[in-house]
N, C-alpha and C. Protein backbone atom coordinates (compact mmCIF):
# COMPACT_ATOMS: atom_id res chain seq x y z
N MET A 1 -17.21 -2.02 -7.87
CA MET A 1 -16.03 -2.14 -7.03
C MET A 1 -15.22 -0.86 -7.14
N ARG A 2 -14.67 -0.46 -6.02
CA ARG A 2 -13.84 0.74 -6.02
C ARG A 2 -12.50 0.45 -5.38
N LEU A 3 -11.47 1.00 -5.98
CA LEU A 3 -10.14 1.02 -5.41
C LEU A 3 -10.00 2.40 -4.78
N VAL A 4 -9.76 2.44 -3.48
CA VAL A 4 -9.75 3.71 -2.74
C VAL A 4 -8.37 3.93 -2.16
N GLY A 5 -7.80 5.10 -2.43
CA GLY A 5 -6.52 5.50 -1.84
C GLY A 5 -6.76 6.59 -0.81
N LEU A 6 -6.22 6.41 0.39
CA LEU A 6 -6.33 7.39 1.47
C LEU A 6 -4.93 7.85 1.85
N TRP A 7 -4.68 9.13 1.68
CA TRP A 7 -3.36 9.72 1.91
C TRP A 7 -3.39 10.55 3.19
N THR A 8 -2.37 10.41 4.04
CA THR A 8 -2.27 11.27 5.22
C THR A 8 -1.71 12.63 4.81
N ARG A 9 -1.78 13.58 5.73
CA ARG A 9 -1.38 14.96 5.45
C ARG A 9 0.14 15.09 5.32
N PRO A 10 0.60 15.66 4.20
CA PRO A 10 2.04 15.90 4.02
C PRO A 10 2.45 17.18 4.75
N GLU A 11 3.72 17.28 5.06
CA GLU A 11 4.22 18.53 5.66
C GLU A 11 4.11 19.67 4.67
N ASP A 12 4.52 19.44 3.44
CA ASP A 12 4.46 20.47 2.41
C ASP A 12 3.23 20.22 1.53
N VAL A 13 2.10 20.76 1.98
CA VAL A 13 0.82 20.53 1.31
C VAL A 13 0.85 21.02 -0.14
N ASP A 14 1.37 22.21 -0.35
CA ASP A 14 1.37 22.78 -1.70
C ASP A 14 2.17 21.94 -2.68
N ALA A 15 3.36 21.50 -2.27
CA ALA A 15 4.20 20.69 -3.16
C ALA A 15 3.54 19.34 -3.43
N PHE A 16 2.96 18.73 -2.39
CA PHE A 16 2.28 17.45 -2.58
C PHE A 16 1.12 17.60 -3.55
N GLU A 17 0.29 18.61 -3.36
CA GLU A 17 -0.87 18.82 -4.22
C GLU A 17 -0.46 19.07 -5.67
N ARG A 18 0.59 19.87 -5.86
CA ARG A 18 1.08 20.11 -7.23
C ARG A 18 1.47 18.80 -7.90
N GLU A 19 2.21 17.97 -7.18
CA GLU A 19 2.69 16.73 -7.78
C GLU A 19 1.55 15.71 -7.90
N TYR A 20 0.71 15.63 -6.87
CA TYR A 20 -0.38 14.65 -6.90
C TYR A 20 -1.39 14.98 -8.00
N LEU A 21 -1.88 16.22 -7.98
CA LEU A 21 -2.91 16.62 -8.94
C LEU A 21 -2.35 16.80 -10.35
N GLY A 22 -1.11 17.28 -10.45
CA GLY A 22 -0.53 17.56 -11.76
C GLY A 22 0.09 16.37 -12.46
N SER A 23 0.54 15.38 -11.68
CA SER A 23 1.25 14.26 -12.28
C SER A 23 0.60 12.90 -11.98
N HIS A 24 0.37 12.63 -10.68
CA HIS A 24 -0.12 11.30 -10.31
C HIS A 24 -1.58 11.07 -10.71
N LEU A 25 -2.45 12.01 -10.41
CA LEU A 25 -3.87 11.81 -10.69
C LEU A 25 -4.16 11.58 -12.19
N PRO A 26 -3.52 12.32 -13.10
CA PRO A 26 -3.75 12.01 -14.51
C PRO A 26 -3.35 10.58 -14.89
N LYS A 27 -2.33 10.04 -14.23
CA LYS A 27 -1.94 8.64 -14.48
C LYS A 27 -3.02 7.70 -13.96
N VAL A 28 -3.57 8.01 -12.79
CA VAL A 28 -4.66 7.20 -12.23
C VAL A 28 -5.86 7.22 -13.17
N GLU A 29 -6.18 8.41 -13.69
CA GLU A 29 -7.32 8.55 -14.60
C GLU A 29 -7.14 7.74 -15.88
N ALA A 30 -5.89 7.44 -16.23
CA ALA A 30 -5.62 6.66 -17.45
C ALA A 30 -5.52 5.16 -17.20
N LEU A 31 -5.81 4.70 -15.96
CA LEU A 31 -5.78 3.26 -15.70
C LEU A 31 -6.76 2.55 -16.63
N PRO A 32 -6.32 1.49 -17.28
CA PRO A 32 -7.21 0.80 -18.20
C PRO A 32 -8.39 0.17 -17.47
N GLY A 33 -9.57 0.28 -18.08
CA GLY A 33 -10.76 -0.36 -17.55
C GLY A 33 -11.50 0.40 -16.46
N ASN A 34 -10.99 1.56 -16.06
CA ASN A 34 -11.69 2.27 -15.00
C ASN A 34 -12.94 2.93 -15.55
N ALA A 35 -13.95 3.04 -14.68
CA ALA A 35 -15.22 3.63 -15.08
C ALA A 35 -15.39 5.03 -14.50
N GLY A 36 -14.33 5.56 -13.91
CA GLY A 36 -14.39 6.91 -13.36
C GLY A 36 -13.46 7.06 -12.17
N VAL A 37 -12.96 8.27 -12.00
CA VAL A 37 -12.04 8.59 -10.91
C VAL A 37 -12.56 9.83 -10.21
N ARG A 38 -12.53 9.80 -8.90
CA ARG A 38 -12.94 10.95 -8.09
C ARG A 38 -11.91 11.14 -6.99
N SER A 39 -11.43 12.36 -6.82
CA SER A 39 -10.45 12.66 -5.78
C SER A 39 -10.93 13.87 -5.00
N SER A 40 -10.84 13.78 -3.68
CA SER A 40 -11.32 14.85 -2.81
C SER A 40 -10.31 15.11 -1.70
N ARG A 41 -10.28 16.34 -1.25
CA ARG A 41 -9.47 16.71 -0.11
C ARG A 41 -10.32 16.54 1.14
N CYS A 42 -9.82 15.81 2.12
CA CYS A 42 -10.57 15.56 3.35
C CYS A 42 -10.52 16.78 4.25
N ILE A 43 -11.62 17.08 4.90
CA ILE A 43 -11.67 18.26 5.77
C ILE A 43 -11.66 17.89 7.25
N ASP A 44 -11.82 16.61 7.56
CA ASP A 44 -11.81 16.17 8.95
C ASP A 44 -11.33 14.73 8.98
N GLY A 45 -10.78 14.32 10.08
CA GLY A 45 -10.32 12.94 10.23
C GLY A 45 -8.84 12.79 9.97
N PRO A 46 -8.37 11.54 9.96
CA PRO A 46 -6.93 11.29 9.87
C PRO A 46 -6.34 11.37 8.47
N PHE A 47 -7.18 11.56 7.45
CA PHE A 47 -6.67 11.57 6.08
C PHE A 47 -6.77 12.94 5.45
N PHE A 48 -5.85 13.20 4.52
CA PHE A 48 -5.77 14.48 3.83
C PHE A 48 -6.46 14.42 2.46
N ARG A 49 -6.28 13.31 1.75
CA ARG A 49 -6.85 13.17 0.41
C ARG A 49 -7.39 11.76 0.24
N LEU A 50 -8.53 11.67 -0.45
CA LEU A 50 -9.18 10.41 -0.76
C LEU A 50 -9.39 10.35 -2.27
N THR A 51 -8.98 9.24 -2.88
CA THR A 51 -9.19 9.06 -4.31
C THR A 51 -9.86 7.71 -4.52
N GLU A 52 -10.92 7.71 -5.34
CA GLU A 52 -11.66 6.49 -5.65
C GLU A 52 -11.58 6.23 -7.14
N VAL A 53 -11.30 4.98 -7.49
CA VAL A 53 -11.28 4.55 -8.89
C VAL A 53 -12.33 3.46 -9.02
N GLU A 54 -13.31 3.69 -9.86
CA GLU A 54 -14.43 2.77 -10.04
C GLU A 54 -14.11 1.74 -11.11
N PHE A 55 -14.42 0.48 -10.81
CA PHE A 55 -14.27 -0.62 -11.76
C PHE A 55 -15.53 -1.46 -11.73
N ALA A 56 -15.79 -2.19 -12.79
CA ALA A 56 -16.97 -3.05 -12.85
C ALA A 56 -16.81 -4.32 -12.03
N SER A 57 -15.57 -4.77 -11.83
CA SER A 57 -15.35 -6.04 -11.14
C SER A 57 -13.95 -6.10 -10.55
N LEU A 58 -13.76 -7.09 -9.68
CA LEU A 58 -12.43 -7.35 -9.14
C LEU A 58 -11.47 -7.77 -10.25
N ASP A 59 -11.97 -8.52 -11.21
CA ASP A 59 -11.12 -8.93 -12.34
C ASP A 59 -10.58 -7.72 -13.09
N GLN A 60 -11.41 -6.69 -13.25
CA GLN A 60 -10.94 -5.48 -13.93
C GLN A 60 -9.90 -4.74 -13.09
N ILE A 61 -10.07 -4.74 -11.77
CA ILE A 61 -9.05 -4.13 -10.90
C ILE A 61 -7.73 -4.87 -11.09
N HIS A 62 -7.79 -6.21 -11.05
CA HIS A 62 -6.57 -7.02 -11.24
C HIS A 62 -5.91 -6.70 -12.57
N ALA A 63 -6.69 -6.76 -13.63
CA ALA A 63 -6.14 -6.54 -14.97
C ALA A 63 -5.53 -5.15 -15.09
N SER A 64 -6.19 -4.17 -14.54
CA SER A 64 -5.70 -2.80 -14.62
C SER A 64 -4.37 -2.65 -13.89
N LEU A 65 -4.30 -3.16 -12.67
CA LEU A 65 -3.08 -3.02 -11.87
C LEU A 65 -1.94 -3.89 -12.37
N GLU A 66 -2.27 -4.97 -13.07
CA GLU A 66 -1.23 -5.84 -13.61
C GLU A 66 -0.72 -5.37 -14.97
N SER A 67 -1.39 -4.40 -15.56
CA SER A 67 -0.92 -3.86 -16.84
C SER A 67 0.36 -3.06 -16.61
N ASP A 68 1.07 -2.79 -17.68
CA ASP A 68 2.28 -1.97 -17.56
C ASP A 68 1.96 -0.62 -16.95
N HIS A 69 0.89 0.00 -17.42
CA HIS A 69 0.51 1.31 -16.88
C HIS A 69 0.12 1.20 -15.40
N GLY A 70 -0.61 0.16 -15.04
CA GLY A 70 -1.01 -0.04 -13.65
C GLY A 70 0.19 -0.20 -12.73
N ARG A 71 1.19 -0.93 -13.19
CA ARG A 71 2.41 -1.09 -12.39
C ARG A 71 3.13 0.25 -12.21
N ARG A 72 3.14 1.04 -13.26
CA ARG A 72 3.77 2.37 -13.16
C ARG A 72 3.02 3.27 -12.19
N VAL A 73 1.69 3.20 -12.21
CA VAL A 73 0.88 4.00 -11.28
C VAL A 73 1.16 3.58 -9.84
N MET A 74 1.22 2.29 -9.59
CA MET A 74 1.47 1.82 -8.22
C MET A 74 2.88 2.18 -7.76
N ASP A 75 3.86 2.08 -8.65
CA ASP A 75 5.22 2.50 -8.31
C ASP A 75 5.26 4.00 -8.02
N ASP A 76 4.54 4.77 -8.82
CA ASP A 76 4.48 6.21 -8.64
C ASP A 76 3.84 6.56 -7.29
N ALA A 77 2.78 5.84 -6.92
CA ALA A 77 2.11 6.08 -5.64
C ALA A 77 3.07 5.81 -4.48
N GLN A 78 3.81 4.71 -4.56
CA GLN A 78 4.78 4.39 -3.51
C GLN A 78 5.86 5.45 -3.43
N ALA A 79 6.35 5.91 -4.58
CA ALA A 79 7.39 6.94 -4.60
C ALA A 79 6.86 8.26 -4.03
N LEU A 80 5.63 8.60 -4.34
CA LEU A 80 5.02 9.83 -3.83
C LEU A 80 4.87 9.76 -2.32
N ALA A 81 4.42 8.63 -1.80
CA ALA A 81 4.28 8.46 -0.35
C ALA A 81 5.64 8.59 0.34
N THR A 82 6.65 7.99 -0.25
CA THR A 82 8.00 8.06 0.32
C THR A 82 8.55 9.48 0.26
N LYS A 83 8.42 10.11 -0.88
CA LYS A 83 8.96 11.46 -1.07
C LYS A 83 8.38 12.46 -0.08
N PHE A 84 7.07 12.37 0.18
CA PHE A 84 6.42 13.35 1.05
C PHE A 84 6.21 12.85 2.47
N GLY A 85 6.70 11.65 2.77
CA GLY A 85 6.62 11.13 4.12
C GLY A 85 5.19 10.92 4.60
N VAL A 86 4.33 10.50 3.69
CA VAL A 86 2.93 10.27 4.05
C VAL A 86 2.63 8.78 4.02
N ARG A 87 1.54 8.43 4.63
CA ARG A 87 1.07 7.05 4.59
C ARG A 87 -0.04 6.97 3.55
N LEU A 88 0.01 5.94 2.74
CA LEU A 88 -1.04 5.66 1.77
C LEU A 88 -1.69 4.35 2.16
N ASP A 89 -2.99 4.40 2.45
CA ASP A 89 -3.77 3.19 2.70
C ASP A 89 -4.62 2.97 1.45
N VAL A 90 -4.70 1.73 1.00
CA VAL A 90 -5.48 1.39 -0.18
C VAL A 90 -6.52 0.35 0.22
N LEU A 91 -7.76 0.64 -0.14
CA LEU A 91 -8.88 -0.26 0.16
C LEU A 91 -9.49 -0.74 -1.14
N VAL A 92 -10.01 -1.94 -1.13
CA VAL A 92 -10.88 -2.43 -2.20
C VAL A 92 -12.26 -2.49 -1.57
N VAL A 93 -13.20 -1.73 -2.13
CA VAL A 93 -14.51 -1.55 -1.52
C VAL A 93 -15.59 -2.03 -2.48
N ALA A 94 -16.56 -2.75 -1.93
CA ALA A 94 -17.71 -3.20 -2.72
C ALA A 94 -18.90 -2.32 -2.40
N ASP A 95 -19.62 -1.92 -3.41
CA ASP A 95 -20.83 -1.15 -3.21
C ASP A 95 -21.95 -2.07 -2.73
N PRO A 96 -22.96 -1.52 -2.04
CA PRO A 96 -24.05 -2.35 -1.53
C PRO A 96 -24.74 -3.20 -2.60
N ASP A 97 -24.86 -2.70 -3.81
CA ASP A 97 -25.53 -3.46 -4.87
C ASP A 97 -24.66 -4.59 -5.43
N ALA A 98 -23.43 -4.73 -4.91
CA ALA A 98 -22.54 -5.81 -5.36
C ALA A 98 -22.65 -7.03 -4.47
N GLY A 99 -23.59 -7.03 -3.53
CA GLY A 99 -23.72 -8.13 -2.58
C GLY A 99 -23.76 -9.51 -3.21
N ALA A 100 -24.52 -9.67 -4.28
CA ALA A 100 -24.64 -10.98 -4.92
C ALA A 100 -23.29 -11.46 -5.45
N ALA A 101 -22.48 -10.55 -5.96
CA ALA A 101 -21.18 -10.93 -6.51
C ALA A 101 -20.19 -11.32 -5.42
N LEU A 102 -20.46 -10.90 -4.18
CA LEU A 102 -19.54 -11.18 -3.09
C LEU A 102 -19.88 -12.45 -2.33
N GLY A 103 -20.95 -13.11 -2.71
CA GLY A 103 -21.32 -14.34 -2.01
C GLY A 103 -22.19 -14.06 -0.81
N PRO A 104 -21.97 -14.79 0.31
CA PRO A 104 -22.89 -14.73 1.42
C PRO A 104 -22.90 -13.40 2.18
N ALA A 105 -21.90 -12.57 2.04
CA ALA A 105 -21.87 -11.31 2.78
C ALA A 105 -22.87 -10.34 2.18
N PRO A 106 -23.93 -9.96 2.93
CA PRO A 106 -24.92 -9.04 2.38
C PRO A 106 -24.37 -7.63 2.31
N GLY A 107 -24.88 -6.85 1.38
CA GLY A 107 -24.46 -5.46 1.27
C GLY A 107 -23.05 -5.34 0.77
N GLY A 108 -22.50 -4.16 0.90
CA GLY A 108 -21.13 -3.93 0.46
C GLY A 108 -20.18 -4.05 1.62
N GLY A 109 -19.05 -3.43 1.49
CA GLY A 109 -18.10 -3.44 2.58
C GLY A 109 -16.68 -3.39 2.08
N VAL A 110 -15.78 -3.28 3.03
CA VAL A 110 -14.36 -3.25 2.72
C VAL A 110 -13.88 -4.68 2.54
N LEU A 111 -13.30 -4.96 1.39
CA LEU A 111 -12.77 -6.29 1.13
C LEU A 111 -11.35 -6.44 1.64
N GLY A 112 -10.64 -5.34 1.83
CA GLY A 112 -9.28 -5.45 2.31
C GLY A 112 -8.63 -4.11 2.49
N LEU A 113 -7.49 -4.13 3.14
CA LEU A 113 -6.77 -2.91 3.45
C LEU A 113 -5.28 -3.18 3.41
N LEU A 114 -4.54 -2.25 2.85
CA LEU A 114 -3.09 -2.32 2.94
C LEU A 114 -2.56 -0.92 3.18
N SER A 115 -1.36 -0.82 3.67
CA SER A 115 -0.80 0.47 4.02
C SER A 115 0.68 0.51 3.71
N THR A 116 1.17 1.70 3.36
CA THR A 116 2.60 1.86 3.16
C THR A 116 3.34 1.74 4.49
N ASP A 117 2.62 1.81 5.62
CA ASP A 117 3.24 1.60 6.93
C ASP A 117 3.72 0.17 7.12
N ALA A 118 3.19 -0.74 6.34
CA ALA A 118 3.55 -2.15 6.48
C ALA A 118 4.96 -2.42 5.98
N GLY A 119 5.61 -1.43 5.41
CA GLY A 119 6.96 -1.58 4.91
C GLY A 119 6.97 -1.65 3.40
N PRO A 120 8.14 -1.72 2.81
CA PRO A 120 8.22 -1.76 1.35
C PRO A 120 7.53 -3.01 0.81
N HIS A 121 6.70 -2.83 -0.16
CA HIS A 121 6.02 -3.95 -0.80
C HIS A 121 5.49 -3.52 -2.14
N ASP A 122 5.04 -4.49 -2.89
CA ASP A 122 4.44 -4.24 -4.18
C ASP A 122 2.94 -4.03 -3.96
N LEU A 123 2.47 -2.79 -4.09
CA LEU A 123 1.07 -2.48 -3.81
C LEU A 123 0.13 -3.27 -4.70
N ALA A 124 0.46 -3.45 -5.96
CA ALA A 124 -0.42 -4.20 -6.86
C ALA A 124 -0.55 -5.65 -6.38
N ARG A 125 0.54 -6.24 -5.93
CA ARG A 125 0.48 -7.61 -5.42
C ARG A 125 -0.40 -7.68 -4.18
N ALA A 126 -0.28 -6.71 -3.31
CA ALA A 126 -1.10 -6.69 -2.10
C ALA A 126 -2.58 -6.52 -2.44
N VAL A 127 -2.90 -5.68 -3.41
CA VAL A 127 -4.29 -5.51 -3.82
C VAL A 127 -4.83 -6.82 -4.39
N ARG A 128 -4.02 -7.54 -5.17
CA ARG A 128 -4.45 -8.83 -5.70
C ARG A 128 -4.73 -9.81 -4.56
N MET A 129 -3.88 -9.79 -3.51
CA MET A 129 -4.09 -10.68 -2.38
C MET A 129 -5.41 -10.34 -1.68
N ILE A 130 -5.66 -9.05 -1.51
CA ILE A 130 -6.91 -8.63 -0.87
C ILE A 130 -8.10 -9.12 -1.68
N ALA A 131 -8.08 -8.84 -2.96
CA ALA A 131 -9.22 -9.15 -3.82
C ALA A 131 -9.46 -10.64 -3.96
N SER A 132 -8.44 -11.46 -3.78
CA SER A 132 -8.62 -12.89 -3.95
C SER A 132 -9.12 -13.56 -2.67
N CYS A 133 -9.33 -12.81 -1.62
CA CYS A 133 -9.82 -13.37 -0.37
C CYS A 133 -11.20 -13.99 -0.60
N ARG A 134 -11.31 -15.28 -0.48
CA ARG A 134 -12.58 -15.97 -0.77
C ARG A 134 -13.56 -15.87 0.38
N ALA A 135 -13.11 -15.57 1.58
CA ALA A 135 -14.03 -15.46 2.71
C ALA A 135 -14.85 -14.19 2.61
N ARG A 136 -14.37 -13.22 1.84
CA ARG A 136 -15.06 -11.94 1.63
C ARG A 136 -15.29 -11.19 2.93
N ARG A 137 -14.37 -11.36 3.86
CA ARG A 137 -14.39 -10.59 5.10
C ARG A 137 -13.26 -9.60 5.04
N PRO A 138 -13.35 -8.50 5.81
CA PRO A 138 -12.24 -7.54 5.83
C PRO A 138 -10.94 -8.23 6.24
N VAL A 139 -9.88 -7.89 5.56
CA VAL A 139 -8.56 -8.45 5.83
C VAL A 139 -7.61 -7.29 6.02
N ALA A 140 -6.96 -7.20 7.17
CA ALA A 140 -6.02 -6.10 7.41
C ALA A 140 -4.61 -6.59 7.11
N LEU A 141 -3.94 -5.92 6.20
CA LEU A 141 -2.55 -6.23 5.90
C LEU A 141 -1.63 -5.21 6.55
N ALA A 142 -2.20 -4.22 7.22
CA ALA A 142 -1.42 -3.17 7.86
C ALA A 142 -1.56 -3.32 9.36
N PRO A 143 -0.54 -3.81 10.04
CA PRO A 143 -0.65 -4.06 11.48
C PRO A 143 -0.91 -2.81 12.30
N ALA A 144 -0.60 -1.62 11.76
CA ALA A 144 -0.80 -0.41 12.52
C ALA A 144 -2.27 0.00 12.59
N LEU A 145 -3.12 -0.60 11.75
CA LEU A 145 -4.52 -0.21 11.71
C LEU A 145 -5.39 -1.36 12.19
N PRO A 146 -6.50 -1.06 12.90
CA PRO A 146 -7.38 -2.14 13.37
C PRO A 146 -8.14 -2.76 12.21
N THR A 147 -8.47 -4.02 12.34
CA THR A 147 -9.28 -4.71 11.35
C THR A 147 -10.71 -4.18 11.45
N PRO A 148 -11.33 -3.74 10.32
CA PRO A 148 -12.72 -3.29 10.37
C PRO A 148 -13.64 -4.41 10.83
N THR A 149 -14.68 -4.06 11.54
CA THR A 149 -15.64 -5.09 11.99
C THR A 149 -16.97 -4.92 11.34
């Protein structure tokens, strides 16, 4: 399972990158239970930066985000999005080999989506809502974005 953050392009790229790479990303890397973090700068499309945090299960994602450190990371992400006027979309993604753990849905796929465009909210709570979806179909919590098919 992966927790994926997609950031839109900030006006001040240099300042955003300094703060994101120098402060926020090290906090993400310290999330309890993660099996690895990868962050890349997007070269095409609507997003500027993509960060993936690998976990063994949805339960580990929940536990990590519900920890004190996880709450601080999510608060920091919201503050960073607000400070730089960017949108942060967060996805919970299942790898193709996780099909059996997801029930009847074959292969992998997006389990859910949330966005800072949806207004002020607790990102960790929204991720928990996404992950607890028993239908295992994509769920859009951000009205500005289409539901994946």
